[in-house]
Amino acid sequence: MQETIFSKIIRREIPATIVFENERILAFRDINPQAPVHILVIPKKIIPTLNDITPEDAPLIGELFVVAGQIAQAEGIAETGYRTIFNCRDDGGQEVYHLHLHVLGGRPMRWPPG
């Protein structure tokens, strides 16, 4: 599996502002936020892209969304609204090849994003 910056964050080799952690998931503030609240929710298991998710990963992927909702509540954006995004590969805007769910909020989210 490819080593990424997220692997180093999981191992605490690189600092991050962690907002949630359990045995399977880590969530931390994005270092280049695109909204007042911008948190990345990642599995500790290395899954490079959405294309690499297997049926066995379904419970883990579901848990990412449960954690995203808990984070939105804790950050005070659950009632006003927020956006969750997975980017997949280069044309999808993926920069780090370790699956990560963006949780963005704290301002109106428009479509298309801009």
C-alpha atoms as a PDB file:
ATOM      1  CA  MET A   1       0.000   0.000   0.000  1.00  0.00           C
ATOM      2  CA  GLN A   2       1.121   3.530  -0.795  1.00  0.00           C
ATOM      3  CA  GLU A   3       2.398   5.599   2.134  1.00  0.00           C
ATOM      4  CA  THR A   4       0.561   8.930   2.447  1.00  0.00           C
ATOM      5  CA  ILE A   5       0.569  11.940   4.708  1.00  0.00           C
ATOM      6  CA  PHE A   6      -2.593  10.512   6.293  1.00  0.00           C
ATOM      7  CA  SER A   7      -0.720   7.345   7.310  1.00  0.00           C
ATOM      8  CA  LYS A   8       1.789   9.570   9.082  1.00  0.00           C
ATOM      9  CA  ILE A   9      -1.018  11.484  10.810  1.00  0.00           C
ATOM     10  CA  ILE A  10      -2.579   8.197  11.986  1.00  0.00           C
ATOM     11  CA  ARG A  11       0.808   7.169  13.444  1.00  0.00           C
ATOM     12  CA  ARG A  12       1.241  10.681  14.963  1.00  0.00           C
ATOM     13  CA  GLU A  13       4.405  11.305  12.948  1.00  0.00           C
ATOM     14  CA  ILE A  14       2.836  14.508  11.594  1.00  0.00           C
ATOM     15  CA  PRO A  15       0.754  16.757  13.836  1.00  0.00           C
ATOM     16  CA  ALA A  16      -2.924  17.322  13.158  1.00  0.00           C
ATOM     17  CA  THR A  17      -5.818  18.883  15.023  1.00  0.00           C
ATOM     18  CA  ILE A  18      -7.773  15.718  15.763  1.00  0.00           C
ATOM     19  CA  VAL A  19     -11.485  16.108  16.489  1.00  0.00           C
ATOM     20  CA  PHE A  20     -12.476  12.420  16.636  1.00  0.00           C
ATOM     21  CA  GLU A  21     -10.792   9.051  16.919  1.00  0.00           C
ATOM     22  CA  ASN A  22     -11.771   5.458  17.542  1.00  0.00           C
ATOM     23  CA  GLU A  23     -10.203   2.128  16.563  1.00  0.00           C
ATOM     24  CA  ARG A  24     -11.261   2.438  12.914  1.00  0.00           C
ATOM     25  CA  ILE A  25     -11.584   6.160  12.122  1.00  0.00           C
ATOM     26  CA  LEU A  26      -9.675   9.398  12.574  1.00  0.00           C
ATOM     27  CA  ALA A  27     -11.025  12.896  11.898  1.00  0.00           C
ATOM     28  CA  PHE A  28      -8.982  16.084  11.824  1.00  0.00           C
ATOM     29  CA  ARG A  29      -9.140  19.667  10.604  1.00  0.00           C
ATOM     30  CA  ASP A  30      -7.998  20.269   7.030  1.00  0.00           C
ATOM     31  CA  ILE A  31      -4.785  22.318   6.875  1.00  0.00           C
ATOM     32  CA  ASN A  32      -6.135  24.193   3.825  1.00  0.00           C
ATOM     33  CA  PRO A  33      -9.785  24.776   4.805  1.00  0.00           C
ATOM     34  CA  GLN A  34     -12.308  25.636   2.113  1.00  0.00           C
ATOM     35  CA  ALA A  35     -14.982  26.633   4.652  1.00  0.00           C
ATOM     36  CA  PRO A  36     -15.036  27.770   8.304  1.00  0.00           C
ATOM     37  CA  VAL A  37     -15.506  24.108   9.242  1.00  0.00           C
ATOM     38  CA  HIS A  38     -13.488  21.709   7.083  1.00  0.00           C
ATOM     39  CA  ILE A  39     -12.763  18.347   8.627  1.00  0.00           C
ATOM     40  CA  LEU A  40     -11.424  15.182   7.010  1.00  0.00           C
ATOM     41  CA  VAL A  41     -12.841  11.867   8.192  1.00  0.00           C
ATOM     42  CA  ILE A  42     -10.617   8.938   7.243  1.00  0.00           C
ATOM     43  CA  PRO A  43     -10.548   5.205   7.815  1.00  0.00           C
ATOM     44  CA  LYS A  44      -7.401   4.006   9.536  1.00  0.00           C
ATOM     45  CA  LYS A  45      -7.438   1.155   7.025  1.00  0.00           C
ATOM     46  CA  ILE A  46      -5.692   2.287   3.867  1.00  0.00           C
ATOM     47  CA  ILE A  47      -8.191   2.425   1.014  1.00  0.00           C
ATOM     48  CA  PRO A  48      -6.644   4.508  -1.780  1.00  0.00           C
ATOM     49  CA  THR A  49      -9.812   5.589  -3.658  1.00  0.00           C
ATOM     50  CA  LEU A  50     -13.551   5.029  -3.853  1.00  0.00           C
ATOM     51  CA  ASN A  51     -12.739   2.520  -6.592  1.00  0.00           C
ATOM     52  CA  ASP A  52     -10.901   0.387  -4.050  1.00  0.00           C
ATOM     53  CA  ILE A  53     -13.791  -0.063  -1.608  1.00  0.00           C
ATOM     54  CA  THR A  54     -14.836  -3.705  -1.301  1.00  0.00           C
ATOM     55  CA  PRO A  55     -18.148  -5.132  -0.074  1.00  0.00           C
ATOM     56  CA  GLU A  56     -16.380  -5.989   3.182  1.00  0.00           C
ATOM     57  CA  ASP A  57     -15.664  -2.259   3.671  1.00  0.00           C
ATOM     58  CA  ALA A  58     -19.372  -1.319   3.658  1.00  0.00           C
ATOM     59  CA  PRO A  59     -19.722  -1.105   7.479  1.00  0.00           C
ATOM     60  CA  LEU A  60     -16.594   1.050   7.695  1.00  0.00           C
ATOM     61  CA  ILE A  61     -17.811   3.415   4.977  1.00  0.00           C
ATOM     62  CA  GLY A  62     -21.175   3.702   6.720  1.00  0.00           C
ATOM     63  CA  GLU A  63     -19.383   4.528   9.952  1.00  0.00           C
ATOM     64  CA  LEU A  64     -17.531   7.378   8.209  1.00  0.00           C
ATOM     65  CA  PHE A  65     -20.912   9.000   7.561  1.00  0.00           C
ATOM     66  CA  VAL A  66     -22.140   8.386  11.119  1.00  0.00           C
ATOM     67  CA  VAL A  67     -18.993  10.082  12.423  1.00  0.00           C
ATOM     68  CA  ALA A  68     -19.448  12.943   9.930  1.00  0.00           C
ATOM     69  CA  GLY A  69     -22.925  13.572  11.350  1.00  0.00           C
ATOM     70  CA  GLN A  70     -21.587  13.516  14.907  1.00  0.00           C
ATOM     71  CA  ILE A  71     -18.868  15.982  13.951  1.00  0.00           C
ATOM     72  CA  ALA A  72     -21.388  18.283  12.265  1.00  0.00           C
ATOM     73  CA  GLN A  73     -23.422  18.259  15.468  1.00  0.00           C
ATOM     74  CA  ALA A  74     -20.363  18.961  17.630  1.00  0.00           C
ATOM     75  CA  GLU A  75     -19.206  21.761  15.305  1.00  0.00           C
ATOM     76  CA  GLY A  76     -22.633  23.428  15.358  1.00  0.00           C
ATOM     77  CA  ILE A  77     -23.342  23.041  11.645  1.00  0.00           C
ATOM     78  CA  ALA A  78     -25.847  20.185  11.703  1.00  0.00           C
ATOM     79  CA  GLU A  79     -28.910  22.446  11.850  1.00  0.00           C
ATOM     80  CA  THR A  80     -27.785  25.046   9.303  1.00  0.00           C
ATOM     81  CA  GLY A  81     -26.384  22.458   6.907  1.00  0.00           C
ATOM     82  CA  TYR A  82     -23.123  21.114   5.610  1.00  0.00           C
ATOM     83  CA  ARG A  83     -21.618  19.248   2.689  1.00  0.00           C
ATOM     84  CA  THR A  84     -19.844  15.877   2.593  1.00  0.00           C
ATOM     85  CA  ILE A  85     -17.585  15.043  -0.329  1.00  0.00           C
ATOM     86  CA  PHE A  86     -15.449  12.154  -1.499  1.00  0.00           C
ATOM     87  CA  ASN A  87     -13.086  13.038  -4.356  1.00  0.00           C
ATOM     88  CA  CYS A  88     -11.950  10.158  -6.574  1.00  0.00           C
ATOM     89  CA  ARG A  89      -8.705  10.190  -8.549  1.00  0.00           C
ATOM     90  CA  ASP A  90      -7.119  13.115 -10.382  1.00  0.00           C
ATOM     91  CA  ASP A  91     -10.083  14.367 -12.418  1.00  0.00           C
ATOM     92  CA  GLY A  92     -12.255  14.131  -9.292  1.00  0.00           C
ATOM     93  CA  GLY A  93      -9.863  16.366  -7.376  1.00  0.00           C
ATOM     94  CA  GLN A  94      -8.313  13.720  -5.120  1.00  0.00           C
ATOM     95  CA  GLU A  95      -4.920  14.893  -3.864  1.00  0.00           C
ATOM     96  CA  VAL A  96      -4.147  12.281  -1.200  1.00  0.00           C
ATOM     97  CA  TYR A  97      -4.653   8.648  -2.182  1.00  0.00           C
ATOM     98  CA  HIS A  98      -6.107   7.547   1.139  1.00  0.00           C
ATOM     99  CA  LEU A  99      -9.898   7.651   1.134  1.00  0.00           C
ATOM    100  CA  HIS A 100     -11.192  10.701   2.998  1.00  0.00           C
ATOM    101  CA  LEU A 101     -14.579  12.274   3.517  1.00  0.00           C
ATOM    102  CA  HIS A 102     -14.628  16.069   3.597  1.00  0.00           C
ATOM    103  CA  VAL A 103     -17.109  17.672   6.009  1.00  0.00           C
ATOM    104  CA  LEU A 104     -17.575  21.339   5.105  1.00  0.00           C
ATOM    105  CA  GLY A 105     -19.847  23.916   6.685  1.00  0.00           C
ATOM    106  CA  GLY A 106     -20.168  27.207   8.461  1.00  0.00           C
ATOM    107  CA  ARG A 107     -21.116  29.082   5.300  1.00  0.00           C
ATOM    108  CA  PRO A 108     -23.648  28.574   2.505  1.00  0.00           C
ATOM    109  CA  MET A 109     -22.564  25.821   0.118  1.00  0.00           C
ATOM    110  CA  ARG A 110     -23.511  26.557  -3.471  1.00  0.00           C
ATOM    111  CA  TRP A 111     -23.569  24.326  -6.515  1.00  0.00           C
ATOM    112  CA  PRO A 112     -21.490  24.233  -8.518  1.00  0.00           C
ATOM    113  CA  PRO A 113     -18.855  24.715  -5.816  1.00  0.00           C
ATOM    114  CA  GLY A 114     -16.798  27.797  -6.167  1.00  0.00           C
END
